Structure formats: structure tokens, C-alpha cells
Amino acid sequence: RNLRAELGAKKVRVSVIEPGLLDTEL
């Protein structure tokens, strides 16, 4: 989110993908 604010004016789009939880050993 902060990089989006900093780099947006330079035409760099910053996205973050937040997948859901999975049933793993974690």
C-alpha cells in the first residue's frame, strides 16, 4: 500500500494478492 502511494506518480502500479487460508501442516 505504501509503495502504491510512492510509485503511483511514476506510473508503477503496485498490487497485492491475499489468497485465503488452506488446510496445511502450518
mmCIF file of all heavy atoms, coordinates in Angstrom:
data_MODEL
# 
_entry.id   MODEL 
# 
loop_
_atom_site.group_PDB 
_atom_site.id 
_atom_site.type_symbol 
_atom_site.label_atom_id 
_atom_site.label_alt_id 
_atom_site.label_comp_id 
_atom_site.label_asym_id 
_atom_site.label_entity_id 
_atom_site.label_seq_id 
_atom_site.pdbx_PDB_ins_code 
_atom_site.Cartn_x 
_atom_site.Cartn_y 
_atom_site.Cartn_z 
_atom_site.occupancy 
_atom_site.B_iso_or_equiv 
_atom_site.pdbx_formal_charge 
_atom_site.auth_seq_id 
_atom_site.auth_comp_id 
_atom_site.auth_asym_id 
_atom_site.auth_atom_id 
_atom_site.pdbx_PDB_model_num 
ATOM 1   N N   . ARG A 1 1  ? 0.830  -1.214  0.000   1.00 0.00 ? 1  ARG A N   1 
ATOM 2   C CA  . ARG A 1 1  ? 0.000  0.000   0.000   1.00 0.00 ? 1  ARG A CA  1 
ATOM 3   C C   . ARG A 1 1  ? 0.861  1.259   0.000   1.00 0.00 ? 1  ARG A C   1 
ATOM 4   O O   . ARG A 1 1  ? 0.568  2.231   -0.705  1.00 0.00 ? 1  ARG A O   1 
ATOM 5   C CB  . ARG A 1 1  ? -0.949 -0.002  1.201   1.00 0.00 ? 1  ARG A CB  1 
ATOM 6   C CG  . ARG A 1 1  ? -2.074 -1.011  1.068   1.00 0.00 ? 1  ARG A CG  1 
ATOM 7   C CD  . ARG A 1 1  ? -3.127 -0.850  2.155   1.00 0.00 ? 1  ARG A CD  1 
ATOM 8   N NE  . ARG A 1 1  ? -2.643 -1.182  3.483   1.00 0.00 ? 1  ARG A NE  1 
ATOM 9   C CZ  . ARG A 1 1  ? -2.683 -2.399  4.017   1.00 0.00 ? 1  ARG A CZ  1 
ATOM 10  N NH1 . ARG A 1 1  ? -3.180 -3.420  3.334   1.00 0.00 ? 1  ARG A NH1 1 
ATOM 11  N NH2 . ARG A 1 1  ? -2.240 -2.615  5.232   1.00 0.00 ? 1  ARG A NH2 1 
ATOM 12  N N   . ASN A 1 2  ? 1.934  1.251   0.776   1.00 0.00 ? 2  ASN A N   1 
ATOM 13  C CA  . ASN A 1 2  ? 2.822  2.411   0.806   1.00 0.00 ? 2  ASN A CA  1 
ATOM 14  C C   . ASN A 1 2  ? 3.569  2.583   -0.508  1.00 0.00 ? 2  ASN A C   1 
ATOM 15  O O   . ASN A 1 2  ? 3.726  3.702   -1.000  1.00 0.00 ? 2  ASN A O   1 
ATOM 16  C CB  . ASN A 1 2  ? 3.807  2.303   1.974   1.00 0.00 ? 2  ASN A CB  1 
ATOM 17  C CG  . ASN A 1 2  ? 3.176  2.727   3.276   1.00 0.00 ? 2  ASN A CG  1 
ATOM 18  O OD1 . ASN A 1 2  ? 3.100  3.911   3.555   1.00 0.00 ? 2  ASN A OD1 1 
ATOM 19  N ND2 . ASN A 1 2  ? 2.689  1.769   4.042   1.00 0.00 ? 2  ASN A ND2 1 
ATOM 20  N N   . LEU A 1 3  ? 4.019  1.482   -1.089  1.00 0.00 ? 3  LEU A N   1 
ATOM 21  C CA  . LEU A 1 3  ? 4.696  1.566   -2.386  1.00 0.00 ? 3  LEU A CA  1 
ATOM 22  C C   . LEU A 1 3  ? 3.745  2.068   -3.460  1.00 0.00 ? 3  LEU A C   1 
ATOM 23  O O   . LEU A 1 3  ? 4.152  2.806   -4.361  1.00 0.00 ? 3  LEU A O   1 
ATOM 24  C CB  . LEU A 1 3  ? 5.273  0.205   -2.788  1.00 0.00 ? 3  LEU A CB  1 
ATOM 25  C CG  . LEU A 1 3  ? 6.497  -0.235  -1.995  1.00 0.00 ? 3  LEU A CG  1 
ATOM 26  C CD1 . LEU A 1 3  ? 6.846  -1.678  -2.336  1.00 0.00 ? 3  LEU A CD1 1 
ATOM 27  C CD2 . LEU A 1 3  ? 7.675  0.685   -2.281  1.00 0.00 ? 3  LEU A CD2 1 
ATOM 28  N N   . ARG A 1 4  ? 2.478  1.686   -3.375  1.00 0.00 ? 4  ARG A N   1 
ATOM 29  C CA  . ARG A 1 4  ? 1.477  2.178   -4.322  1.00 0.00 ? 4  ARG A CA  1 
ATOM 30  C C   . ARG A 1 4  ? 1.423  3.700   -4.264  1.00 0.00 ? 4  ARG A C   1 
ATOM 31  O O   . ARG A 1 4  ? 1.371  4.372   -5.294  1.00 0.00 ? 4  ARG A O   1 
ATOM 32  C CB  . ARG A 1 4  ? 0.116  1.567   -4.000  1.00 0.00 ? 4  ARG A CB  1 
ATOM 33  C CG  . ARG A 1 4  ? -0.969 1.888   -5.006  1.00 0.00 ? 4  ARG A CG  1 
ATOM 34  C CD  . ARG A 1 4  ? -2.280 1.187   -4.666  1.00 0.00 ? 4  ARG A CD  1 
ATOM 35  N NE  . ARG A 1 4  ? -2.098 -0.253  -4.552  1.00 0.00 ? 4  ARG A NE  1 
ATOM 36  C CZ  . ARG A 1 4  ? -2.495 -0.980  -3.510  1.00 0.00 ? 4  ARG A CZ  1 
ATOM 37  N NH1 . ARG A 1 4  ? -3.119 -0.416  -2.498  1.00 0.00 ? 4  ARG A NH1 1 
ATOM 38  N NH2 . ARG A 1 4  ? -2.298 -2.273  -3.484  1.00 0.00 ? 4  ARG A NH2 1 
ATOM 39  N N   . ALA A 1 5  ? 1.450  4.252   -3.055  1.00 0.00 ? 5  ALA A N   1 
ATOM 40  C CA  . ALA A 1 5  ? 1.423  5.708   -2.890  1.00 0.00 ? 5  ALA A CA  1 
ATOM 41  C C   . ALA A 1 5  ? 2.704  6.350   -3.415  1.00 0.00 ? 5  ALA A C   1 
ATOM 42  O O   . ALA A 1 5  ? 2.669  7.404   -4.045  1.00 0.00 ? 5  ALA A O   1 
ATOM 43  C CB  . ALA A 1 5  ? 1.209  6.062   -1.422  1.00 0.00 ? 5  ALA A CB  1 
ATOM 44  N N   . GLU A 1 6  ? 3.838  5.723   -3.176  1.00 0.00 ? 6  GLU A N   1 
ATOM 45  C CA  . GLU A 1 6  ? 5.126  6.287   -3.598  1.00 0.00 ? 6  GLU A CA  1 
ATOM 46  C C   . GLU A 1 6  ? 5.369  6.154   -5.099  1.00 0.00 ? 6  GLU A C   1 
ATOM 47  O O   . GLU A 1 6  ? 5.901  7.073   -5.725  1.00 0.00 ? 6  GLU A O   1 
ATOM 48  C CB  . GLU A 1 6  ? 6.273  5.595   -2.859  1.00 0.00 ? 6  GLU A CB  1 
ATOM 49  C CG  . GLU A 1 6  ? 6.335  5.909   -1.383  1.00 0.00 ? 6  GLU A CG  1 
ATOM 50  C CD  . GLU A 1 6  ? 7.461  5.172   -0.692  1.00 0.00 ? 6  GLU A CD  1 
ATOM 51  O OE1 . GLU A 1 6  ? 8.431  4.751   -1.361  1.00 0.00 ? 6  GLU A OE1 1 
ATOM 52  O OE2 . GLU A 1 6  ? 7.365  5.006   0.543   1.00 0.00 ? 6  GLU A OE2 1 
ATOM 53  N N   . LEU A 1 7  ? 5.010  5.017   -5.672  1.00 0.00 ? 7  LEU A N   1 
ATOM 54  C CA  . LEU A 1 7  ? 5.362  4.743   -7.071  1.00 0.00 ? 7  LEU A CA  1 
ATOM 55  C C   . LEU A 1 7  ? 4.249  5.069   -8.055  1.00 0.00 ? 7  LEU A C   1 
ATOM 56  O O   . LEU A 1 7  ? 4.485  5.099   -9.264  1.00 0.00 ? 7  LEU A O   1 
ATOM 57  C CB  . LEU A 1 7  ? 5.774  3.272   -7.218  1.00 0.00 ? 7  LEU A CB  1 
ATOM 58  C CG  . LEU A 1 7  ? 7.004  2.856   -6.408  1.00 0.00 ? 7  LEU A CG  1 
ATOM 59  C CD1 . LEU A 1 7  ? 7.244  1.361   -6.538  1.00 0.00 ? 7  LEU A CD1 1 
ATOM 60  C CD2 . LEU A 1 7  ? 8.233  3.638   -6.847  1.00 0.00 ? 7  LEU A CD2 1 
ATOM 61  N N   . GLY A 1 8  ? 3.053  5.310   -7.565  1.00 0.00 ? 8  GLY A N   1 
ATOM 62  C CA  . GLY A 1 8  ? 1.923  5.592   -8.451  1.00 0.00 ? 8  GLY A CA  1 
ATOM 63  C C   . GLY A 1 8  ? 2.166  6.777   -9.371  1.00 0.00 ? 8  GLY A C   1 
ATOM 64  O O   . GLY A 1 8  ? 1.826  6.739   -10.553 1.00 0.00 ? 8  GLY A O   1 
ATOM 65  N N   . ALA A 1 9  ? 2.764  7.824   -8.845  1.00 0.00 ? 9  ALA A N   1 
ATOM 66  C CA  . ALA A 1 9  ? 3.046  9.008   -9.656  1.00 0.00 ? 9  ALA A CA  1 
ATOM 67  C C   . ALA A 1 9  ? 4.056  8.710   -10.765 1.00 0.00 ? 9  ALA A C   1 
ATOM 68  O O   . ALA A 1 9  ? 4.118  9.434   -11.763 1.00 0.00 ? 9  ALA A O   1 
ATOM 69  C CB  . ALA A 1 9  ? 3.564  10.137  -8.770  1.00 0.00 ? 9  ALA A CB  1 
ATOM 70  N N   . LYS A 1 10 ? 4.818  7.636   -10.582 1.00 0.00 ? 10 LYS A N   1 
ATOM 71  C CA  . LYS A 1 10 ? 5.804  7.236   -11.601 1.00 0.00 ? 10 LYS A CA  1 
ATOM 72  C C   . LYS A 1 10 ? 5.241  6.173   -12.531 1.00 0.00 ? 10 LYS A C   1 
ATOM 73  O O   . LYS A 1 10 ? 5.969  5.533   -13.270 1.00 0.00 ? 10 LYS A O   1 
ATOM 74  C CB  . LYS A 1 10 ? 7.073  6.732   -10.912 1.00 0.00 ? 10 LYS A CB  1 
ATOM 75  C CG  . LYS A 1 10 ? 7.739  7.813   -10.084 1.00 0.00 ? 10 LYS A CG  1 
ATOM 76  C CD  . LYS A 1 10 ? 8.931  7.275   -9.334  1.00 0.00 ? 10 LYS A CD  1 
ATOM 77  C CE  . LYS A 1 10 ? 9.528  8.392   -8.494  1.00 0.00 ? 10 LYS A CE  1 
ATOM 78  N NZ  . LYS A 1 10 ? 10.640 7.941   -7.679  1.00 0.00 ? 10 LYS A NZ  1 
ATOM 79  N N   . LYS A 1 11 ? 3.930  5.969   -12.459 1.00 0.00 ? 11 LYS A N   1 
ATOM 80  C CA  . LYS A 1 11 ? 3.201  5.031   -13.312 1.00 0.00 ? 11 LYS A CA  1 
ATOM 81  C C   . LYS A 1 11 ? 3.554  3.568   -13.059 1.00 0.00 ? 11 LYS A C   1 
ATOM 82  O O   . LYS A 1 11 ? 3.440  2.723   -13.936 1.00 0.00 ? 11 LYS A O   1 
ATOM 83  C CB  . LYS A 1 11 ? 3.393  5.353   -14.796 1.00 0.00 ? 11 LYS A CB  1 
ATOM 84  C CG  . LYS A 1 11 ? 3.049  6.772   -15.167 1.00 0.00 ? 11 LYS A CG  1 
ATOM 85  C CD  . LYS A 1 11 ? 1.578  7.028   -15.013 1.00 0.00 ? 11 LYS A CD  1 
ATOM 86  C CE  . LYS A 1 11 ? 1.246  8.430   -15.531 1.00 0.00 ? 11 LYS A CE  1 
ATOM 87  N NZ  . LYS A 1 11 ? 0.111  9.012   -14.912 1.00 0.00 ? 11 LYS A NZ  1 
ATOM 88  N N   . VAL A 1 12 ? 3.998  3.275   -11.837 1.00 0.00 ? 12 VAL A N   1 
ATOM 89  C CA  . VAL A 1 12 ? 4.221  1.884   -11.436 1.00 0.00 ? 12 VAL A CA  1 
ATOM 90  C C   . VAL A 1 12 ? 3.013  1.474   -10.598 1.00 0.00 ? 12 VAL A C   1 
ATOM 91  O O   . VAL A 1 12 ? 2.760  2.047   -9.534  1.00 0.00 ? 12 VAL A O   1 
ATOM 92  C CB  . VAL A 1 12 ? 5.527  1.710   -10.631 1.00 0.00 ? 12 VAL A CB  1 
ATOM 93  C CG1 . VAL A 1 12 ? 5.678  0.266   -10.161 1.00 0.00 ? 12 VAL A CG1 1 
ATOM 94  C CG2 . VAL A 1 12 ? 6.725  2.132   -11.467 1.00 0.00 ? 12 VAL A CG2 1 
ATOM 95  N N   . ARG A 1 13 ? 2.255  0.515   -11.105 1.00 0.00 ? 13 ARG A N   1 
ATOM 96  C CA  . ARG A 1 13 ? 1.095  0.006   -10.373 1.00 0.00 ? 13 ARG A CA  1 
ATOM 97  C C   . ARG A 1 13 ? 1.580  -1.066  -9.400  1.00 0.00 ? 13 ARG A C   1 
ATOM 98  O O   . ARG A 1 13 ? 2.346  -1.949  -9.775  1.00 0.00 ? 13 ARG A O   1 
ATOM 99  C CB  . ARG A 1 13 ? 0.079  -0.600  -11.341 1.00 0.00 ? 13 ARG A CB  1 
ATOM 100 C CG  . ARG A 1 13 ? -0.476 0.407   -12.311 1.00 0.00 ? 13 ARG A CG  1 
ATOM 101 C CD  . ARG A 1 13 ? -1.508 -0.193  -13.218 1.00 0.00 ? 13 ARG A CD  1 
ATOM 102 N NE  . ARG A 1 13 ? -0.914 -1.195  -14.102 1.00 0.00 ? 13 ARG A NE  1 
ATOM 103 C CZ  . ARG A 1 13 ? -1.472 -1.622  -15.231 1.00 0.00 ? 13 ARG A CZ  1 
ATOM 104 N NH1 . ARG A 1 13 ? -2.644 -1.138  -15.609 1.00 0.00 ? 13 ARG A NH1 1 
ATOM 105 N NH2 . ARG A 1 13 ? -0.879 -2.516  -15.969 1.00 0.00 ? 13 ARG A NH2 1 
ATOM 106 N N   . VAL A 1 14 ? 1.140  -0.953  -8.163  1.00 0.00 ? 14 VAL A N   1 
ATOM 107 C CA  . VAL A 1 14 ? 1.541  -1.918  -7.137  1.00 0.00 ? 14 VAL A CA  1 
ATOM 108 C C   . VAL A 1 14 ? 0.284  -2.633  -6.655  1.00 0.00 ? 14 VAL A C   1 
ATOM 109 O O   . VAL A 1 14 ? -0.661 -2.002  -6.201  1.00 0.00 ? 14 VAL A O   1 
ATOM 110 C CB  . VAL A 1 14 ? 2.262  -1.242  -5.954  1.00 0.00 ? 14 VAL A CB  1 
ATOM 111 C CG1 . VAL A 1 14 ? 2.677  -2.272  -4.912  1.00 0.00 ? 14 VAL A CG1 1 
ATOM 112 C CG2 . VAL A 1 14 ? 3.480  -0.460  -6.455  1.00 0.00 ? 14 VAL A CG2 1 
ATOM 113 N N   . SER A 1 15 ? 0.300  -3.948  -6.765  1.00 0.00 ? 15 SER A N   1 
ATOM 114 C CA  . SER A 1 15 ? -0.829 -4.781  -6.337  1.00 0.00 ? 15 SER A CA  1 
ATOM 115 C C   . SER A 1 15 ? -0.355 -5.783  -5.302  1.00 0.00 ? 15 SER A C   1 
ATOM 116 O O   . SER A 1 15 ? 0.820  -6.152  -5.260  1.00 0.00 ? 15 SER A O   1 
ATOM 117 C CB  . SER A 1 15 ? -1.404 -5.549  -7.527  1.00 0.00 ? 15 SER A CB  1 
ATOM 118 O OG  . SER A 1 15 ? -1.832 -4.661  -8.531  1.00 0.00 ? 15 SER A OG  1 
ATOM 119 N N   . VAL A 1 16 ? -1.288 -6.224  -4.484  1.00 0.00 ? 16 VAL A N   1 
ATOM 120 C CA  . VAL A 1 16 ? -1.003 -7.283  -3.523  1.00 0.00 ? 16 VAL A CA  1 
ATOM 121 C C   . VAL A 1 16 ? -2.135 -8.301  -3.605  1.00 0.00 ? 16 VAL A C   1 
ATOM 122 O O   . VAL A 1 16 ? -3.307 -7.945  -3.612  1.00 0.00 ? 16 VAL A O   1 
ATOM 123 C CB  . VAL A 1 16 ? -0.801 -6.746  -2.086  1.00 0.00 ? 16 VAL A CB  1 
ATOM 124 C CG1 . VAL A 1 16 ? -2.031 -6.063  -1.555  1.00 0.00 ? 16 VAL A CG1 1 
ATOM 125 C CG2 . VAL A 1 16 ? -0.352 -7.850  -1.145  1.00 0.00 ? 16 VAL A CG2 1 
ATOM 126 N N   . ILE A 1 17 ? -1.763 -9.553  -3.717  1.00 0.00 ? 17 ILE A N   1 
ATOM 127 C CA  . ILE A 1 17 ? -2.731 -10.649 -3.757  1.00 0.00 ? 17 ILE A CA  1 
ATOM 128 C C   . ILE A 1 17 ? -2.742 -11.289 -2.374  1.00 0.00 ? 17 ILE A C   1 
ATOM 129 O O   . ILE A 1 17 ? -1.685 -11.604 -1.828  1.00 0.00 ? 17 ILE A O   1 
ATOM 130 C CB  . ILE A 1 17 ? -2.332 -11.684 -4.838  1.00 0.00 ? 17 ILE A CB  1 
ATOM 131 C CG1 . ILE A 1 17 ? -2.323 -11.010 -6.211  1.00 0.00 ? 17 ILE A CG1 1 
ATOM 132 C CG2 . ILE A 1 17 ? -3.269 -12.883 -4.809  1.00 0.00 ? 17 ILE A CG2 1 
ATOM 133 C CD1 . ILE A 1 17 ? -1.718 -11.857 -7.295  1.00 0.00 ? 17 ILE A CD1 1 
ATOM 134 N N   . GLU A 1 18 ? -3.936 -11.475 -1.825  1.00 0.00 ? 18 GLU A N   1 
ATOM 135 C CA  . GLU A 1 18 ? -4.079 -12.050 -0.488  1.00 0.00 ? 18 GLU A CA  1 
ATOM 136 C C   . GLU A 1 18 ? -4.954 -13.300 -0.560  1.00 0.00 ? 18 GLU A C   1 
ATOM 137 O O   . GLU A 1 18 ? -6.146 -13.257 -0.250  1.00 0.00 ? 18 GLU A O   1 
ATOM 138 C CB  . GLU A 1 18 ? -4.668 -11.028 0.480   1.00 0.00 ? 18 GLU A CB  1 
ATOM 139 C CG  . GLU A 1 18 ? -3.772 -9.829  0.721   1.00 0.00 ? 18 GLU A CG  1 
ATOM 140 C CD  . GLU A 1 18 ? -4.373 -8.806  1.643   1.00 0.00 ? 18 GLU A CD  1 
ATOM 141 O OE1 . GLU A 1 18 ? -5.602 -8.784  1.819   1.00 0.00 ? 18 GLU A OE1 1 
ATOM 142 O OE2 . GLU A 1 18 ? -3.603 -8.021  2.214   1.00 0.00 ? 18 GLU A OE2 1 
ATOM 143 N N   . PRO A 1 19 ? -4.363 -14.444 -0.961  1.00 0.00 ? 19 PRO A N   1 
ATOM 144 C CA  . PRO A 1 19 ? -5.160 -15.683 -1.030  1.00 0.00 ? 19 PRO A CA  1 
ATOM 145 C C   . PRO A 1 19 ? -5.688 -16.095 0.337   1.00 0.00 ? 19 PRO A C   1 
ATOM 146 O O   . PRO A 1 19 ? -5.144 -15.704 1.373   1.00 0.00 ? 19 PRO A O   1 
ATOM 147 C CB  . PRO A 1 19 ? -4.160 -16.729 -1.544  1.00 0.00 ? 19 PRO A CB  1 
ATOM 148 C CG  . PRO A 1 19 ? -2.984 -15.973 -2.043  1.00 0.00 ? 19 PRO A CG  1 
ATOM 149 C CD  . PRO A 1 19 ? -2.985 -14.650 -1.343  1.00 0.00 ? 19 PRO A CD  1 
ATOM 150 N N   . GLY A 1 20 ? -6.722 -16.913 0.325   1.00 0.00 ? 20 GLY A N   1 
ATOM 151 C CA  . GLY A 1 20 ? -7.317 -17.424 1.557   1.00 0.00 ? 20 GLY A CA  1 
ATOM 152 C C   . GLY A 1 20 ? -6.480 -18.501 2.202   1.00 0.00 ? 20 GLY A C   1 
ATOM 153 O O   . GLY A 1 20 ? -5.452 -18.927 1.678   1.00 0.00 ? 20 GLY A O   1 
ATOM 154 N N   . LEU A 1 21 ? -6.930 -18.956 3.356   1.00 0.00 ? 21 LEU A N   1 
ATOM 155 C CA  . LEU A 1 21 ? -6.222 -19.993 4.101   1.00 0.00 ? 21 LEU A CA  1 
ATOM 156 C C   . LEU A 1 21 ? -6.494 -21.378 3.513   1.00 0.00 ? 21 LEU A C   1 
ATOM 157 O O   . LEU A 1 21 ? -7.570 -21.638 2.987   1.00 0.00 ? 21 LEU A O   1 
ATOM 158 C CB  . LEU A 1 21 ? -6.662 -19.978 5.563   1.00 0.00 ? 21 LEU A CB  1 
ATOM 159 C CG  . LEU A 1 21 ? -6.343 -18.706 6.342   1.00 0.00 ? 21 LEU A CG  1 
ATOM 160 C CD1 . LEU A 1 21 ? -6.937 -18.792 7.740   1.00 0.00 ? 21 LEU A CD1 1 
ATOM 161 C CD2 . LEU A 1 21 ? -4.852 -18.485 6.411   1.00 0.00 ? 21 LEU A CD2 1 
ATOM 162 N N   . LEU A 1 22 ? -5.520 -22.235 3.643   1.00 0.00 ? 22 LEU A N   1 
ATOM 163 C CA  . LEU A 1 22 ? -5.635 -23.627 3.209   1.00 0.00 ? 22 LEU A CA  1 
ATOM 164 C C   . LEU A 1 22 ? -5.383 -24.527 4.402   1.00 0.00 ? 22 LEU A C   1 
ATOM 165 O O   . LEU A 1 22 ? -4.717 -24.138 5.362   1.00 0.00 ? 22 LEU A O   1 
ATOM 166 C CB  . LEU A 1 22 ? -4.608 -23.937 2.119   1.00 0.00 ? 22 LEU A CB  1 
ATOM 167 C CG  . LEU A 1 22 ? -4.750 -23.171 0.815   1.00 0.00 ? 22 LEU A CG  1 
ATOM 168 C CD1 . LEU A 1 22 ? -3.567 -23.465 -0.089  1.00 0.00 ? 22 LEU A CD1 1 
ATOM 169 C CD2 . LEU A 1 22 ? -6.044 -23.520 0.127   1.00 0.00 ? 22 LEU A CD2 1 
ATOM 170 N N   . ASP A 1 23 ? -5.869 -25.727 4.335   1.00 0.00 ? 23 ASP A N   1 
ATOM 171 C CA  . ASP A 1 23 ? -5.627 -26.702 5.388   1.00 0.00 ? 23 ASP A CA  1 
ATOM 172 C C   . ASP A 1 23 ? -4.267 -27.358 5.136   1.00 0.00 ? 23 ASP A C   1 
ATOM 173 O O   . ASP A 1 23 ? -4.146 -28.251 4.299   1.00 0.00 ? 23 ASP A O   1 
ATOM 174 C CB  . ASP A 1 23 ? -6.751 -27.739 5.395   1.00 0.00 ? 23 ASP A CB  1 
ATOM 175 C CG  . ASP A 1 23 ? -6.669 -28.674 6.576   1.00 0.00 ? 23 ASP A CG  1 
ATOM 176 O OD1 . ASP A 1 23 ? -5.967 -28.345 7.563   1.00 0.00 ? 23 ASP A OD1 1 
ATOM 177 O OD2 . ASP A 1 23 ? -7.306 -29.736 6.522   1.00 0.00 ? 23 ASP A OD2 1 
ATOM 178 N N   . THR A 1 24 ? -3.239 -26.864 5.824   1.00 0.00 ? 24 THR A N   1 
ATOM 179 C CA  . THR A 1 24 ? -1.884 -27.396 5.675   1.00 0.00 ? 24 THR A CA  1 
ATOM 180 C C   . THR A 1 24 ? -1.309 -27.729 7.040   1.00 0.00 ? 24 THR A C   1 
ATOM 181 O O   . THR A 1 24 ? -1.920 -27.461 8.072   1.00 0.00 ? 24 THR A O   1 
ATOM 182 C CB  . THR A 1 24 ? -0.960 -26.373 4.981   1.00 0.00 ? 24 THR A CB  1 
ATOM 183 O OG1 . THR A 1 24 ? -0.776 -25.264 5.867   1.00 0.00 ? 24 THR A OG1 1 
ATOM 184 C CG2 . THR A 1 24 ? -1.526 -25.901 3.650   1.00 0.00 ? 24 THR A CG2 1 
ATOM 185 N N   . GLU A 1 25 ? -0.099 -28.250 7.056   1.00 0.00 ? 25 GLU A N   1 
ATOM 186 C CA  . GLU A 1 25 ? 0.558  -28.581 8.319   1.00 0.00 ? 25 GLU A CA  1 
ATOM 187 C C   . GLU A 1 25 ? 0.847  -27.332 9.151   1.00 0.00 ? 25 GLU A C   1 
ATOM 188 O O   . GLU A 1 25 ? 1.059  -27.431 10.354  1.00 0.00 ? 25 GLU A O   1 
ATOM 189 C CB  . GLU A 1 25 ? 1.846  -29.378 8.078   1.00 0.00 ? 25 GLU A CB  1 
ATOM 190 C CG  . GLU A 1 25 ? 2.945  -28.615 7.376   1.00 0.00 ? 25 GLU A CG  1 
ATOM 191 C CD  . GLU A 1 25 ? 2.823  -28.588 5.861   1.00 0.00 ? 25 GLU A CD  1 
ATOM 192 O OE1 . GLU A 1 25 ? 1.887  -29.203 5.296   1.00 0.00 ? 25 GLU A OE1 1 
ATOM 193 O OE2 . GLU A 1 25 ? 3.660  -27.942 5.230   1.00 0.00 ? 25 GLU A OE2 1 
ATOM 194 N N   . LEU A 1 26 ? 0.841  -26.162 8.545   1.00 0.00 ? 26 LEU A N   1 
ATOM 195 C CA  . LEU A 1 26 ? 1.053  -24.932 9.291   1.00 0.00 ? 26 LEU A CA  1 
ATOM 196 C C   . LEU A 1 26 ? -0.036 -24.740 10.346  1.00 0.00 ? 26 LEU A C   1 
ATOM 197 O O   . LEU A 1 26 ? 0.214  -24.198 11.411  1.00 0.00 ? 26 LEU A O   1 
ATOM 198 C CB  . LEU A 1 26 ? 1.072  -23.731 8.338   1.00 0.00 ? 26 LEU A CB  1 
ATOM 199 C CG  . LEU A 1 26 ? 1.370  -22.367 8.954   1.00 0.00 ? 26 LEU A CG  1 
ATOM 200 C CD1 . LEU A 1 26 ? 2.763  -22.350 9.577   1.00 0.00 ? 26 LEU A CD1 1 
ATOM 201 C CD2 . LEU A 1 26 ? 1.246  -21.288 7.907   1.00 0.00 ? 26 LEU A CD2 1 
# 
